């Protein structure tokens, strides 16, 4: 399984370290311009603050930069 974590804050970094230690293929993507990143992973974790969640999700959907089969949490 390939995982991308969007958001390099405390939660995103902690998840990244834990998944990497468990030998999961994981990539940490800083939240600057979510619509510019390309995601080919099986799982996309949105590690963002609650007030930013809807905006980030809309930007990702509008940019069409993910795979249709990816799970987003």
Protein backbone atom coordinates (compact mmCIF):
# COMPACT_ATOMS: atom_id res chain seq x y z
CA UNK A 1 0.00 0.00 0.00
CA UNK A 2 1.19 3.51 -0.84
CA UNK A 3 0.11 6.38 1.40
CA UNK A 4 0.31 10.15 0.99
CA UNK A 5 -0.20 12.46 3.94
CA UNK A 6 -1.27 15.98 3.04
CA UNK A 7 -0.24 18.35 5.81
CA UNK A 8 3.17 18.47 7.45
CA UNK A 9 2.08 19.69 10.86
CA UNK A 10 2.37 17.76 14.11
CA UNK A 11 -0.22 15.13 13.20
CA UNK A 12 1.01 14.68 9.65
CA UNK A 13 4.62 14.26 10.75
CA UNK A 14 3.67 11.82 13.52
CA UNK A 15 1.65 9.70 11.09
CA UNK A 16 4.50 9.82 8.60
CA UNK A 17 7.03 8.60 11.16
CA UNK A 18 4.75 5.82 12.42
CA UNK A 19 3.94 4.54 8.93
CA UNK A 20 7.56 4.75 7.79
CA UNK A 21 8.66 2.83 10.86
CA UNK A 22 6.07 0.16 10.00
CA UNK A 23 7.71 -0.01 6.55
CA UNK A 24 4.70 1.42 4.71
CA UNK A 25 5.53 3.38 1.57
CA UNK A 26 4.54 6.88 2.64
CA UNK A 27 5.04 10.42 1.34
CA UNK A 28 4.56 13.64 3.32
CA UNK A 29 3.20 16.57 1.31
CA UNK A 30 3.27 20.05 2.91
CA UNK A 31 -0.01 21.95 2.68
CA UNK A 32 0.87 24.94 0.57
CA UNK A 33 -1.06 24.46 -2.62
CA UNK A 34 -2.94 21.15 -2.45
CA UNK A 35 -4.26 21.48 -5.99
CA UNK A 36 -0.73 21.43 -7.45
CA UNK A 37 0.43 18.09 -6.01
CA UNK A 38 -0.15 14.85 -7.90
CA UNK A 39 -1.31 11.83 -5.93
CA UNK A 40 -0.92 8.28 -7.21
CA UNK A 41 -1.13 6.62 -3.80
CA UNK A 42 -3.79 4.15 -2.65
CA UNK A 43 -4.61 6.19 0.45
CA UNK A 44 -4.58 9.95 0.93
CA UNK A 45 -4.71 11.21 4.51
CA UNK A 46 -5.79 14.82 4.95
CA UNK A 47 -3.92 15.85 8.09
CA UNK A 48 -5.21 19.41 8.16
CA UNK A 49 -7.00 21.58 10.70
CA UNK A 50 -10.79 21.19 10.74
CA UNK A 51 -11.49 24.69 9.36
CA UNK A 52 -9.25 23.92 6.34
CA UNK A 53 -10.66 20.48 5.54
CA UNK A 54 -13.46 21.53 3.17
CA UNK A 55 -11.23 23.96 1.28
CA UNK A 56 -8.48 21.37 0.81
CA UNK A 57 -10.93 18.68 -0.28
CA UNK A 58 -12.52 21.05 -2.81
CA UNK A 59 -9.12 22.08 -4.18
CA UNK A 60 -8.09 18.45 -4.65
CA UNK A 61 -11.36 17.53 -6.33
CA UNK A 62 -11.26 20.56 -8.63
CA UNK A 63 -7.67 19.88 -9.65
CA UNK A 64 -8.40 16.22 -10.45
CA UNK A 65 -4.95 15.25 -9.27
CA UNK A 66 -5.77 11.94 -7.59
CA UNK A 67 -6.70 8.48 -8.74
CA UNK A 68 -10.35 7.45 -8.76
CA UNK A 69 -9.58 4.35 -6.73
CA UNK A 70 -7.77 6.16 -3.89
CA UNK A 71 -9.36 6.31 -0.47
CA UNK A 72 -9.31 9.74 1.16
CA UNK A 73 -9.51 10.11 4.92
